[in-house]
N, C-alpha and C. Protein backbone atom coordinates (compact mmCIF):
# COMPACT_ATOMS: atom_id res chain seq x y z
N MET A 1 0.85 -1.19 0.00
CA MET A 1 0.00 0.00 0.00
C MET A 1 0.89 1.25 0.00
N ALA A 2 0.57 2.18 -0.86
CA ALA A 2 1.37 3.40 -0.96
C ALA A 2 1.17 4.25 0.29
N ARG A 3 2.26 4.88 0.72
CA ARG A 3 2.19 5.74 1.89
C ARG A 3 1.49 7.03 1.53
N ALA A 4 0.60 7.48 2.42
CA ALA A 4 -0.11 8.74 2.19
C ALA A 4 0.89 9.89 2.19
N MET A 5 0.67 10.87 1.31
CA MET A 5 1.58 12.00 1.21
C MET A 5 1.38 12.94 2.40
N THR A 6 2.44 13.24 3.10
CA THR A 6 2.37 14.17 4.22
C THR A 6 2.32 15.60 3.69
N GLN A 7 2.04 16.55 4.59
CA GLN A 7 2.03 17.95 4.18
C GLN A 7 3.41 18.38 3.70
N ALA A 8 4.46 17.88 4.37
CA ALA A 8 5.82 18.22 3.95
C ALA A 8 6.11 17.65 2.56
N ASP A 9 5.67 16.42 2.31
CA ASP A 9 5.84 15.81 0.99
C ASP A 9 5.12 16.61 -0.09
N ARG A 10 3.88 17.01 0.22
CA ARG A 10 3.08 17.77 -0.74
C ARG A 10 3.74 19.12 -1.03
N ARG A 11 4.25 19.75 0.02
CA ARG A 11 4.91 21.05 -0.17
C ARG A 11 6.13 20.90 -1.08
N ASP A 12 6.92 19.86 -0.83
CA ASP A 12 8.09 19.62 -1.70
C ASP A 12 7.66 19.35 -3.13
N GLN A 13 6.56 18.60 -3.29
CA GLN A 13 6.06 18.32 -4.64
C GLN A 13 5.69 19.62 -5.35
N LEU A 14 5.06 20.54 -4.63
CA LEU A 14 4.66 21.81 -5.23
C LEU A 14 5.88 22.69 -5.54
N LEU A 15 6.88 22.64 -4.69
CA LEU A 15 8.09 23.41 -4.95
C LEU A 15 8.82 22.89 -6.18
N LEU A 16 8.89 21.56 -6.31
CA LEU A 16 9.50 20.98 -7.50
C LEU A 16 8.72 21.33 -8.76
N ALA A 17 7.40 21.31 -8.66
CA ALA A 17 6.57 21.69 -9.80
C ALA A 17 6.78 23.15 -10.16
N THR A 18 7.02 23.99 -9.16
CA THR A 18 7.28 25.40 -9.41
C THR A 18 8.59 25.58 -10.17
N LEU A 19 9.61 24.81 -9.80
CA LEU A 19 10.88 24.87 -10.53
C LEU A 19 10.66 24.59 -12.02
N ASP A 20 9.90 23.55 -12.32
CA ASP A 20 9.63 23.19 -13.71
C ASP A 20 8.84 24.29 -14.42
N ALA A 21 7.87 24.86 -13.70
CA ALA A 21 7.03 25.90 -14.31
C ALA A 21 7.85 27.15 -14.62
N ILE A 22 8.76 27.52 -13.72
CA ILE A 22 9.61 28.69 -13.95
C ILE A 22 10.53 28.43 -15.15
N ARG A 23 11.09 27.23 -15.21
CA ARG A 23 11.98 26.90 -16.33
C ARG A 23 11.22 26.99 -17.66
N ASP A 24 9.99 26.49 -17.68
CA ASP A 24 9.25 26.39 -18.94
C ASP A 24 8.55 27.70 -19.33
N ARG A 25 8.09 28.48 -18.34
CA ARG A 25 7.29 29.68 -18.65
C ARG A 25 8.02 30.98 -18.32
N GLY A 26 9.04 30.90 -17.49
CA GLY A 26 9.70 32.13 -17.04
C GLY A 26 9.01 32.70 -15.82
N ILE A 27 9.77 33.38 -15.00
CA ILE A 27 9.21 33.89 -13.75
C ILE A 27 8.13 34.93 -13.99
N GLY A 28 8.26 35.71 -15.06
CA GLY A 28 7.27 36.76 -15.32
C GLY A 28 5.92 36.22 -15.74
N ASN A 29 5.87 34.99 -16.23
CA ASN A 29 4.60 34.40 -16.69
C ASN A 29 4.07 33.33 -15.75
N LEU A 30 4.69 33.17 -14.60
CA LEU A 30 4.30 32.09 -13.69
C LEU A 30 2.91 32.33 -13.11
N ARG A 31 2.07 31.28 -13.15
CA ARG A 31 0.73 31.34 -12.57
C ARG A 31 0.53 30.14 -11.64
N VAL A 32 -0.35 30.30 -10.69
CA VAL A 32 -0.65 29.21 -9.77
C VAL A 32 -1.15 27.99 -10.54
N GLN A 33 -1.93 28.23 -11.61
CA GLN A 33 -2.43 27.11 -12.40
C GLN A 33 -1.32 26.28 -13.02
N ASP A 34 -0.22 26.94 -13.38
CA ASP A 34 0.92 26.23 -13.97
C ASP A 34 1.51 25.25 -12.97
N VAL A 35 1.64 25.70 -11.75
CA VAL A 35 2.19 24.84 -10.69
C VAL A 35 1.24 23.69 -10.40
N ALA A 36 -0.04 24.01 -10.26
CA ALA A 36 -1.03 22.98 -9.97
C ALA A 36 -1.07 21.93 -11.06
N SER A 37 -1.03 22.35 -12.31
CA SER A 37 -1.07 21.42 -13.43
C SER A 37 0.12 20.47 -13.41
N ARG A 38 1.32 21.01 -13.18
CA ARG A 38 2.51 20.17 -13.17
C ARG A 38 2.54 19.22 -11.97
N ALA A 39 1.93 19.64 -10.88
CA ALA A 39 1.90 18.79 -9.68
C ALA A 39 0.73 17.81 -9.70
N GLY A 40 -0.21 18.01 -10.62
CA GLY A 40 -1.38 17.15 -10.70
C GLY A 40 -2.35 17.36 -9.56
N VAL A 41 -2.46 18.62 -9.11
CA VAL A 41 -3.37 18.95 -8.01
C VAL A 41 -4.24 20.13 -8.42
N SER A 42 -5.17 20.50 -7.56
CA SER A 42 -6.00 21.66 -7.82
C SER A 42 -5.28 22.94 -7.39
N THR A 43 -5.73 24.08 -7.91
CA THR A 43 -5.15 25.35 -7.47
C THR A 43 -5.42 25.58 -5.99
N GLY A 44 -6.51 25.02 -5.49
CA GLY A 44 -6.81 25.15 -4.06
C GLY A 44 -5.74 24.50 -3.19
N THR A 45 -5.20 23.38 -3.68
CA THR A 45 -4.12 22.72 -2.94
C THR A 45 -2.89 23.62 -2.86
N VAL A 46 -2.59 24.29 -3.96
CA VAL A 46 -1.44 25.21 -3.95
C VAL A 46 -1.69 26.33 -2.95
N HIS A 47 -2.90 26.91 -2.98
CA HIS A 47 -3.21 28.01 -2.07
C HIS A 47 -3.27 27.56 -0.61
N TYR A 48 -3.55 26.29 -0.39
CA TYR A 48 -3.55 25.77 0.99
C TYR A 48 -2.14 25.86 1.59
N HIS A 49 -1.13 25.60 0.78
CA HIS A 49 0.25 25.59 1.27
C HIS A 49 0.94 26.95 1.12
N PHE A 50 0.50 27.77 0.17
CA PHE A 50 1.13 29.06 -0.08
C PHE A 50 0.03 30.11 -0.26
N SER A 51 0.12 31.18 0.49
CA SER A 51 -0.98 32.15 0.49
C SER A 51 -1.19 32.80 -0.86
N ASP A 52 -0.11 33.04 -1.59
CA ASP A 52 -0.23 33.66 -2.92
C ASP A 52 1.02 33.33 -3.73
N ILE A 53 1.06 33.81 -4.96
CA ILE A 53 2.16 33.49 -5.85
C ILE A 53 3.48 34.06 -5.33
N GLU A 54 3.42 35.20 -4.66
CA GLU A 54 4.65 35.80 -4.14
C GLU A 54 5.26 34.95 -3.04
N GLN A 55 4.42 34.41 -2.16
CA GLN A 55 4.97 33.53 -1.12
C GLN A 55 5.55 32.27 -1.75
N LEU A 56 4.88 31.74 -2.75
CA LEU A 56 5.38 30.54 -3.43
C LEU A 56 6.75 30.81 -4.05
N ILE A 57 6.87 31.94 -4.74
CA ILE A 57 8.16 32.28 -5.37
C ILE A 57 9.23 32.47 -4.30
N HIS A 58 8.90 33.17 -3.24
CA HIS A 58 9.87 33.40 -2.16
C HIS A 58 10.33 32.08 -1.56
N ASP A 59 9.38 31.19 -1.28
CA ASP A 59 9.72 29.92 -0.64
C ASP A 59 10.52 29.01 -1.56
N VAL A 60 10.18 29.02 -2.85
CA VAL A 60 10.92 28.16 -3.78
C VAL A 60 12.34 28.67 -3.96
N PHE A 61 12.53 29.99 -3.88
CA PHE A 61 13.87 30.56 -3.99
C PHE A 61 14.75 30.11 -2.81
N GLY A 62 14.21 30.24 -1.60
CA GLY A 62 14.97 29.79 -0.43
C GLY A 62 15.22 28.30 -0.44
N TRP A 63 14.21 27.53 -0.84
CA TRP A 63 14.32 26.07 -0.89
C TRP A 63 15.34 25.63 -1.92
N ALA A 64 15.31 26.25 -3.10
CA ALA A 64 16.27 25.90 -4.15
C ALA A 64 17.68 26.29 -3.74
N SER A 65 17.84 27.43 -3.11
CA SER A 65 19.16 27.87 -2.65
C SER A 65 19.72 26.91 -1.63
N ASP A 66 18.89 26.45 -0.71
CA ASP A 66 19.34 25.49 0.31
C ASP A 66 19.74 24.17 -0.32
N ARG A 67 18.97 23.71 -1.29
CA ARG A 67 19.30 22.45 -1.96
C ARG A 67 20.61 22.56 -2.74
N PHE A 68 20.81 23.67 -3.41
CA PHE A 68 22.03 23.88 -4.17
C PHE A 68 23.24 23.91 -3.23
N TYR A 69 23.10 24.61 -2.11
CA TYR A 69 24.19 24.68 -1.14
C TYR A 69 24.48 23.30 -0.55
N ALA A 70 23.44 22.52 -0.30
CA ALA A 70 23.64 21.17 0.24
C ALA A 70 24.43 20.30 -0.73
N MET A 71 24.20 20.48 -2.03
CA MET A 71 24.98 19.73 -3.02
C MET A 71 26.45 20.12 -2.96
N ARG A 72 26.72 21.40 -2.70
CA ARG A 72 28.11 21.84 -2.57
C ARG A 72 28.76 21.21 -1.33
N LEU A 73 28.00 21.14 -0.24
CA LEU A 73 28.53 20.51 0.97
C LEU A 73 28.85 19.04 0.73
N ASP A 74 27.98 18.37 -0.01
CA ASP A 74 28.21 16.95 -0.31
C ASP A 74 29.51 16.75 -1.07
N ALA A 75 29.90 17.74 -1.88
CA ALA A 75 31.13 17.64 -2.65
C ALA A 75 32.37 17.62 -1.75
N LEU A 76 32.22 18.15 -0.53
CA LEU A 76 33.35 18.18 0.40
C LEU A 76 33.38 16.95 1.32
N ALA A 77 32.27 16.25 1.37
CA ALA A 77 32.17 15.12 2.30
C ALA A 77 33.00 13.94 1.81
N GLY A 78 33.58 13.23 2.75
CA GLY A 78 34.27 11.99 2.43
C GLY A 78 35.70 12.14 2.01
N THR A 79 36.22 13.36 1.98
CA THR A 79 37.64 13.55 1.64
C THR A 79 38.23 14.65 2.49
N SER A 80 39.45 14.43 2.92
CA SER A 80 40.14 15.44 3.71
C SER A 80 41.23 16.14 2.91
N ASP A 81 41.40 15.76 1.65
CA ASP A 81 42.42 16.36 0.80
C ASP A 81 41.83 17.59 0.11
N ALA A 82 42.45 18.73 0.33
CA ALA A 82 41.91 19.98 -0.21
C ALA A 82 41.85 19.97 -1.73
N ARG A 83 42.75 19.25 -2.39
CA ARG A 83 42.72 19.19 -3.85
C ARG A 83 41.44 18.52 -4.34
N ASP A 84 41.06 17.43 -3.68
CA ASP A 84 39.82 16.75 -4.05
C ASP A 84 38.60 17.59 -3.70
N GLN A 85 38.67 18.29 -2.57
CA GLN A 85 37.56 19.15 -2.18
C GLN A 85 37.35 20.28 -3.19
N LEU A 86 38.45 20.91 -3.60
CA LEU A 86 38.34 22.01 -4.55
C LEU A 86 37.82 21.52 -5.90
N ALA A 87 38.30 20.39 -6.35
CA ALA A 87 37.81 19.81 -7.61
C ALA A 87 36.33 19.46 -7.50
N GLY A 88 35.92 18.92 -6.37
CA GLY A 88 34.52 18.59 -6.17
C GLY A 88 33.62 19.80 -6.15
N MET A 89 34.10 20.89 -5.56
CA MET A 89 33.34 22.14 -5.56
C MET A 89 33.15 22.65 -6.99
N ILE A 90 34.22 22.64 -7.76
CA ILE A 90 34.13 23.12 -9.14
C ILE A 90 33.18 22.24 -9.96
N ALA A 91 33.22 20.95 -9.71
CA ALA A 91 32.37 20.02 -10.47
C ALA A 91 30.89 20.24 -10.21
N THR A 92 30.54 20.75 -9.02
CA THR A 92 29.12 20.89 -8.65
C THR A 92 28.62 22.32 -8.70
N GLY A 93 29.44 23.25 -9.19
CA GLY A 93 29.06 24.66 -9.11
C GLY A 93 28.29 25.20 -10.29
N LEU A 94 28.03 24.37 -11.30
CA LEU A 94 27.36 24.86 -12.50
C LEU A 94 26.09 24.06 -12.78
N PRO A 95 25.15 24.66 -13.52
CA PRO A 95 23.97 23.88 -13.93
C PRO A 95 24.37 22.71 -14.81
N ALA A 96 23.60 21.64 -14.74
CA ALA A 96 23.89 20.46 -15.55
C ALA A 96 23.80 20.79 -17.04
N ASP A 97 22.82 21.62 -17.40
CA ASP A 97 22.62 22.05 -18.79
C ASP A 97 21.61 23.18 -18.77
N GLU A 98 21.17 23.62 -19.95
CA GLU A 98 20.24 24.74 -20.02
C GLU A 98 18.85 24.40 -19.49
N ASN A 99 18.58 23.11 -19.26
CA ASN A 99 17.27 22.69 -18.74
C ASN A 99 17.30 22.40 -17.24
N ASP A 100 18.37 22.78 -16.56
CA ASP A 100 18.49 22.57 -15.12
C ASP A 100 17.48 23.46 -14.41
N ALA A 101 16.38 22.87 -13.96
CA ALA A 101 15.28 23.66 -13.39
C ALA A 101 15.67 24.35 -12.09
N LEU A 102 16.46 23.68 -11.26
CA LEU A 102 16.84 24.25 -9.97
C LEU A 102 17.62 25.55 -10.16
N VAL A 103 18.67 25.49 -10.98
CA VAL A 103 19.52 26.67 -11.17
C VAL A 103 18.80 27.74 -11.98
N THR A 104 18.02 27.34 -12.97
CA THR A 104 17.27 28.32 -13.76
C THR A 104 16.35 29.14 -12.87
N ALA A 105 15.65 28.47 -11.96
CA ALA A 105 14.74 29.19 -11.06
C ALA A 105 15.51 30.16 -10.17
N MET A 106 16.66 29.73 -9.66
CA MET A 106 17.45 30.60 -8.80
C MET A 106 17.88 31.86 -9.55
N TYR A 107 18.35 31.70 -10.78
CA TYR A 107 18.77 32.86 -11.57
C TYR A 107 17.56 33.75 -11.89
N ASP A 108 16.50 33.15 -12.39
CA ASP A 108 15.34 33.94 -12.79
C ASP A 108 14.78 34.74 -11.62
N ILE A 109 14.61 34.09 -10.49
CA ILE A 109 14.04 34.78 -9.34
C ILE A 109 15.01 35.84 -8.83
N GLY A 110 16.28 35.48 -8.73
CA GLY A 110 17.26 36.43 -8.21
C GLY A 110 17.39 37.68 -9.05
N ILE A 111 17.22 37.54 -10.36
CA ILE A 111 17.36 38.69 -11.26
C ILE A 111 16.10 39.55 -11.30
N TYR A 112 14.94 38.90 -11.35
CA TYR A 112 13.71 39.63 -11.59
C TYR A 112 12.90 39.97 -10.34
N ARG A 113 13.25 39.40 -9.20
CA ARG A 113 12.53 39.73 -7.97
C ARG A 113 13.48 40.45 -7.03
N ARG A 114 13.82 41.70 -7.35
CA ARG A 114 14.82 42.45 -6.59
C ARG A 114 14.14 43.20 -5.44
N THR A 115 13.77 42.47 -4.39
CA THR A 115 13.26 43.08 -3.18
C THR A 115 14.14 42.64 -2.03
N GLY A 116 13.96 43.27 -0.89
CA GLY A 116 14.84 43.04 0.24
C GLY A 116 15.00 41.58 0.63
N SER A 117 13.90 40.85 0.72
CA SER A 117 13.99 39.47 1.19
C SER A 117 14.72 38.58 0.19
N PHE A 118 14.52 38.81 -1.10
CA PHE A 118 15.22 38.03 -2.11
C PHE A 118 16.71 38.37 -2.14
N ASP A 119 17.02 39.65 -1.96
CA ASP A 119 18.42 40.06 -1.93
C ASP A 119 19.15 39.41 -0.76
N ILE A 120 18.47 39.29 0.36
CA ILE A 120 19.09 38.67 1.54
C ILE A 120 19.42 37.20 1.26
N ILE A 121 18.50 36.47 0.63
CA ILE A 121 18.74 35.07 0.32
C ILE A 121 19.88 34.94 -0.70
N THR A 122 19.88 35.82 -1.71
CA THR A 122 20.94 35.77 -2.73
C THR A 122 22.30 36.02 -2.10
N GLN A 123 22.40 37.02 -1.25
CA GLN A 123 23.69 37.31 -0.62
C GLN A 123 24.10 36.19 0.31
N ALA A 124 23.14 35.63 1.04
CA ALA A 124 23.47 34.53 1.96
C ALA A 124 24.02 33.33 1.21
N LEU A 125 23.42 33.00 0.05
CA LEU A 125 23.92 31.88 -0.73
C LEU A 125 25.32 32.17 -1.25
N PHE A 126 25.54 33.38 -1.75
CA PHE A 126 26.87 33.75 -2.23
C PHE A 126 27.89 33.63 -1.11
N ASP A 127 27.56 34.19 0.06
CA ASP A 127 28.50 34.18 1.17
C ASP A 127 28.79 32.76 1.67
N ARG A 128 27.78 31.91 1.67
CA ARG A 128 28.00 30.53 2.12
C ARG A 128 28.90 29.77 1.16
N GLN A 129 28.72 30.02 -0.14
CA GLN A 129 29.57 29.35 -1.11
C GLN A 129 31.00 29.88 -1.04
N VAL A 130 31.14 31.18 -0.85
CA VAL A 130 32.48 31.75 -0.68
C VAL A 130 33.15 31.13 0.54
N ALA A 131 32.39 30.94 1.60
CA ALA A 131 32.95 30.35 2.82
C ALA A 131 33.46 28.93 2.57
N LEU A 132 32.76 28.17 1.75
CA LEU A 132 33.21 26.82 1.42
C LEU A 132 34.53 26.86 0.66
N TYR A 133 34.60 27.72 -0.35
CA TYR A 133 35.85 27.85 -1.09
C TYR A 133 36.97 28.38 -0.18
N PHE A 134 36.64 29.33 0.66
CA PHE A 134 37.61 29.92 1.58
C PHE A 134 38.24 28.84 2.46
N SER A 135 37.40 28.00 3.05
CA SER A 135 37.92 26.96 3.95
C SER A 135 38.73 25.92 3.19
N THR A 136 38.31 25.61 1.97
CA THR A 136 39.04 24.63 1.16
C THR A 136 40.41 25.18 0.75
N LEU A 137 40.45 26.44 0.36
CA LEU A 137 41.72 27.05 -0.02
C LEU A 137 42.66 27.13 1.18
N GLN A 138 42.13 27.52 2.32
CA GLN A 138 42.97 27.57 3.52
C GLN A 138 43.49 26.19 3.89
N LEU A 139 42.65 25.18 3.76
CA LEU A 139 43.08 23.82 4.06
C LEU A 139 44.21 23.41 3.11
N GLY A 140 44.07 23.76 1.83
CA GLY A 140 45.11 23.42 0.87
C GLY A 140 46.44 24.07 1.19
N VAL A 141 46.40 25.30 1.70
CA VAL A 141 47.63 25.97 2.12
C VAL A 141 48.24 25.24 3.31
N ALA A 142 47.40 24.89 4.29
CA ALA A 142 47.88 24.19 5.48
C ALA A 142 48.47 22.83 5.13
N GLN A 143 47.90 22.17 4.12
CA GLN A 143 48.41 20.85 3.71
C GLN A 143 49.62 20.95 2.80
N GLY A 144 49.96 22.16 2.38
CA GLY A 144 51.12 22.34 1.52
C GLY A 144 50.86 22.14 0.04
N HIS A 145 49.57 22.01 -0.33
CA HIS A 145 49.23 21.78 -1.74
C HIS A 145 49.07 23.09 -2.51
N PHE A 146 48.60 24.14 -1.83
CA PHE A 146 48.27 25.39 -2.51
C PHE A 146 49.26 26.49 -2.10
N HIS A 147 49.64 27.28 -3.09
CA HIS A 147 50.46 28.47 -2.87
C HIS A 147 49.72 29.62 -3.56
N LEU A 148 48.89 30.30 -2.79
CA LEU A 148 47.91 31.23 -3.35
C LEU A 148 48.57 32.49 -3.89
N THR A 149 48.00 32.99 -4.99
CA THR A 149 48.53 34.18 -5.64
C THR A 149 47.89 35.47 -5.14
N GLY A 150 46.92 35.36 -4.23
CA GLY A 150 46.24 36.55 -3.71
C GLY A 150 45.55 36.24 -2.42
N PRO A 151 44.88 37.23 -1.83
CA PRO A 151 44.14 37.01 -0.59
C PRO A 151 43.09 35.91 -0.77
N VAL A 152 42.98 35.05 0.21
CA VAL A 152 42.12 33.88 0.06
C VAL A 152 40.67 34.27 -0.17
N VAL A 153 40.18 35.32 0.49
CA VAL A 153 38.78 35.71 0.30
C VAL A 153 38.55 36.21 -1.13
N ASP A 154 39.54 36.90 -1.71
CA ASP A 154 39.38 37.37 -3.08
C ASP A 154 39.29 36.20 -4.05
N LEU A 155 40.14 35.21 -3.86
CA LEU A 155 40.13 34.05 -4.74
C LEU A 155 38.83 33.26 -4.59
N ALA A 156 38.36 33.13 -3.36
CA ALA A 156 37.10 32.42 -3.13
C ALA A 156 35.94 33.13 -3.79
N GLN A 157 35.89 34.45 -3.67
CA GLN A 157 34.81 35.20 -4.31
C GLN A 157 34.89 35.11 -5.83
N ASN A 158 36.11 35.14 -6.37
CA ASN A 158 36.25 35.02 -7.82
C ASN A 158 35.77 33.67 -8.32
N LEU A 159 36.03 32.61 -7.58
CA LEU A 159 35.57 31.28 -8.00
C LEU A 159 34.05 31.22 -8.05
N VAL A 160 33.40 31.79 -7.05
CA VAL A 160 31.93 31.80 -7.06
C VAL A 160 31.41 32.69 -8.17
N ALA A 161 32.05 33.83 -8.39
CA ALA A 161 31.61 34.74 -9.45
C ALA A 161 31.76 34.10 -10.83
N LEU A 162 32.83 33.35 -11.03
CA LEU A 162 33.00 32.64 -12.30
C LEU A 162 31.88 31.63 -12.50
N GLU A 163 31.53 30.91 -11.46
CA GLU A 163 30.42 29.96 -11.55
C GLU A 163 29.13 30.67 -11.92
N ASP A 164 28.86 31.81 -11.26
CA ASP A 164 27.64 32.54 -11.54
C ASP A 164 27.60 33.02 -13.00
N ALA A 165 28.73 33.53 -13.48
CA ALA A 165 28.76 34.06 -14.84
C ALA A 165 28.59 32.95 -15.88
N TYR A 166 29.35 31.86 -15.72
CA TYR A 166 29.22 30.76 -16.67
C TYR A 166 27.83 30.11 -16.55
N GLY A 167 27.30 30.06 -15.34
CA GLY A 167 25.98 29.48 -15.16
C GLY A 167 24.92 30.21 -15.96
N LEU A 168 25.00 31.55 -15.99
CA LEU A 168 24.05 32.34 -16.78
C LEU A 168 24.16 32.01 -18.26
N HIS A 169 25.39 31.84 -18.74
CA HIS A 169 25.57 31.49 -20.16
C HIS A 169 25.01 30.09 -20.46
N ILE A 170 25.20 29.17 -19.52
CA ILE A 170 24.73 27.80 -19.74
C ILE A 170 23.21 27.76 -19.82
N ILE A 171 22.53 28.36 -18.84
CA ILE A 171 21.07 28.29 -18.87
C ILE A 171 20.50 29.16 -19.98
N GLY A 172 21.31 30.10 -20.48
CA GLY A 172 20.88 30.90 -21.63
C GLY A 172 21.08 30.19 -22.96
N GLY A 173 21.67 28.99 -22.91
CA GLY A 173 21.85 28.20 -24.13
C GLY A 173 23.04 28.60 -24.96
N ASN A 174 24.02 29.29 -24.37
CA ASN A 174 25.23 29.68 -25.10
C ASN A 174 26.06 28.45 -25.42
N ARG A 175 26.13 28.10 -26.71
CA ARG A 175 26.84 26.89 -27.12
C ARG A 175 28.36 27.04 -27.02
N SER A 176 28.85 28.27 -26.84
CA SER A 176 30.29 28.47 -26.71
C SER A 176 30.80 28.09 -25.33
N THR A 177 29.89 28.00 -24.35
CA THR A 177 30.31 27.67 -22.99
C THR A 177 29.44 26.55 -22.41
N PRO A 178 29.52 25.35 -22.99
CA PRO A 178 28.79 24.23 -22.39
C PRO A 178 29.37 23.91 -21.01
N PRO A 179 28.64 23.19 -20.19
CA PRO A 179 29.08 22.95 -18.81
C PRO A 179 30.49 22.36 -18.70
N ASP A 180 30.82 21.38 -19.53
CA ASP A 180 32.15 20.75 -19.42
C ASP A 180 33.25 21.76 -19.69
N ARG A 181 33.07 22.59 -20.70
CA ARG A 181 34.09 23.59 -21.00
C ARG A 181 34.19 24.62 -19.86
N ALA A 182 33.04 25.05 -19.36
CA ALA A 182 33.04 26.04 -18.28
C ALA A 182 33.76 25.49 -17.04
N ARG A 183 33.52 24.22 -16.73
CA ARG A 183 34.22 23.63 -15.59
C ARG A 183 35.72 23.59 -15.82
N ARG A 184 36.14 23.26 -17.03
CA ARG A 184 37.57 23.22 -17.33
C ARG A 184 38.20 24.61 -17.20
N LEU A 185 37.47 25.62 -17.63
CA LEU A 185 38.00 26.98 -17.53
C LEU A 185 38.13 27.42 -16.08
N ILE A 186 37.13 27.09 -15.27
CA ILE A 186 37.22 27.42 -13.84
C ILE A 186 38.35 26.64 -13.19
N LEU A 187 38.50 25.38 -13.58
CA LEU A 187 39.59 24.57 -13.04
C LEU A 187 40.95 25.17 -13.41
N ASP A 188 41.08 25.65 -14.64
CA ASP A 188 42.33 26.29 -15.06
C ASP A 188 42.63 27.52 -14.20
N TYR A 189 41.59 28.30 -13.91
CA TYR A 189 41.78 29.45 -13.02
C TYR A 189 42.24 28.98 -11.64
N ALA A 190 41.59 27.92 -11.13
CA ALA A 190 41.97 27.41 -9.81
C ALA A 190 43.42 26.92 -9.79
N ARG A 191 43.83 26.26 -10.85
CA ARG A 191 45.23 25.81 -10.92
C ARG A 191 46.18 27.00 -10.88
N THR A 192 45.83 28.06 -11.61
CA THR A 192 46.70 29.24 -11.67
C THR A 192 46.82 29.92 -10.32
N VAL A 193 45.69 30.11 -9.63
CA VAL A 193 45.74 30.90 -8.39
C VAL A 193 46.17 30.07 -7.19
N THR A 194 46.16 28.74 -7.32
CA THR A 194 46.64 27.90 -6.21
C THR A 194 48.05 27.37 -6.46
N GLY A 195 48.53 27.48 -7.70
CA GLY A 195 49.83 26.89 -8.03
C GLY A 195 49.83 25.38 -7.98
N CYS A 196 48.62 24.79 -8.07
CA CYS A 196 48.48 23.33 -7.94
C CYS A 196 48.10 22.76 -9.30
N VAL A 197 49.09 22.37 -10.07
CA VAL A 197 48.83 21.92 -11.44
C VAL A 197 48.15 20.56 -11.49
N GLU A 198 48.21 19.79 -10.40
CA GLU A 198 47.62 18.45 -10.44
C GLU A 198 46.13 18.43 -10.14
N LEU A 199 45.52 19.60 -9.94
CA LEU A 199 44.07 19.64 -9.75
C LEU A 199 43.39 19.01 -10.96
N ALA A 200 42.41 18.14 -10.70
CA ALA A 200 41.70 17.47 -11.79
C ALA A 200 40.25 17.25 -11.36
N LEU A 201 39.34 17.39 -12.30
CA LEU A 201 37.93 17.16 -12.00
C LEU A 201 37.70 15.68 -11.71
N PRO A 202 36.78 15.38 -10.79
CA PRO A 202 36.51 13.96 -10.48
C PRO A 202 35.84 13.27 -11.65
């Protein structure tokens, strides 16, 4: 017998449906009906969990940001070697392709919903990712693998900024910067600023 869907399960289902709807219709055209249709529920079910479209967009932005950050944390798990950690971070920092619903929603919402609460979430995600790179770079120095060419916080911010820039090109369908090439370019930058030529993507 199938397990009954809990309220938390239903909420996650609606958030996932919202990601797909944003990817397919764009944030400016998003309607509650689009989410309900993709989730296979009534619009009333959507309104039961989210008071209006603005709350839904706000919640999906925070939820997507948390999921993306959790994937970055997973890239650091299971290894104590800073070289592997840095390579893992680079491998997980870009959208899979132009149809990556999670990253597309984060970009679309972050760009087009410029209000205080969205700005706070955007900055928090940026700062958390910088902190991950910061700790990995510092660990590499302590282990003797990295010889940094600049202040560690500057290098960490540049790595995140490169991911953000290439990510926009990827979800925009720019064929000159497919994900594999973008990762290689970021890896080349990391090799240059760490002096660690043996860095390699997993």
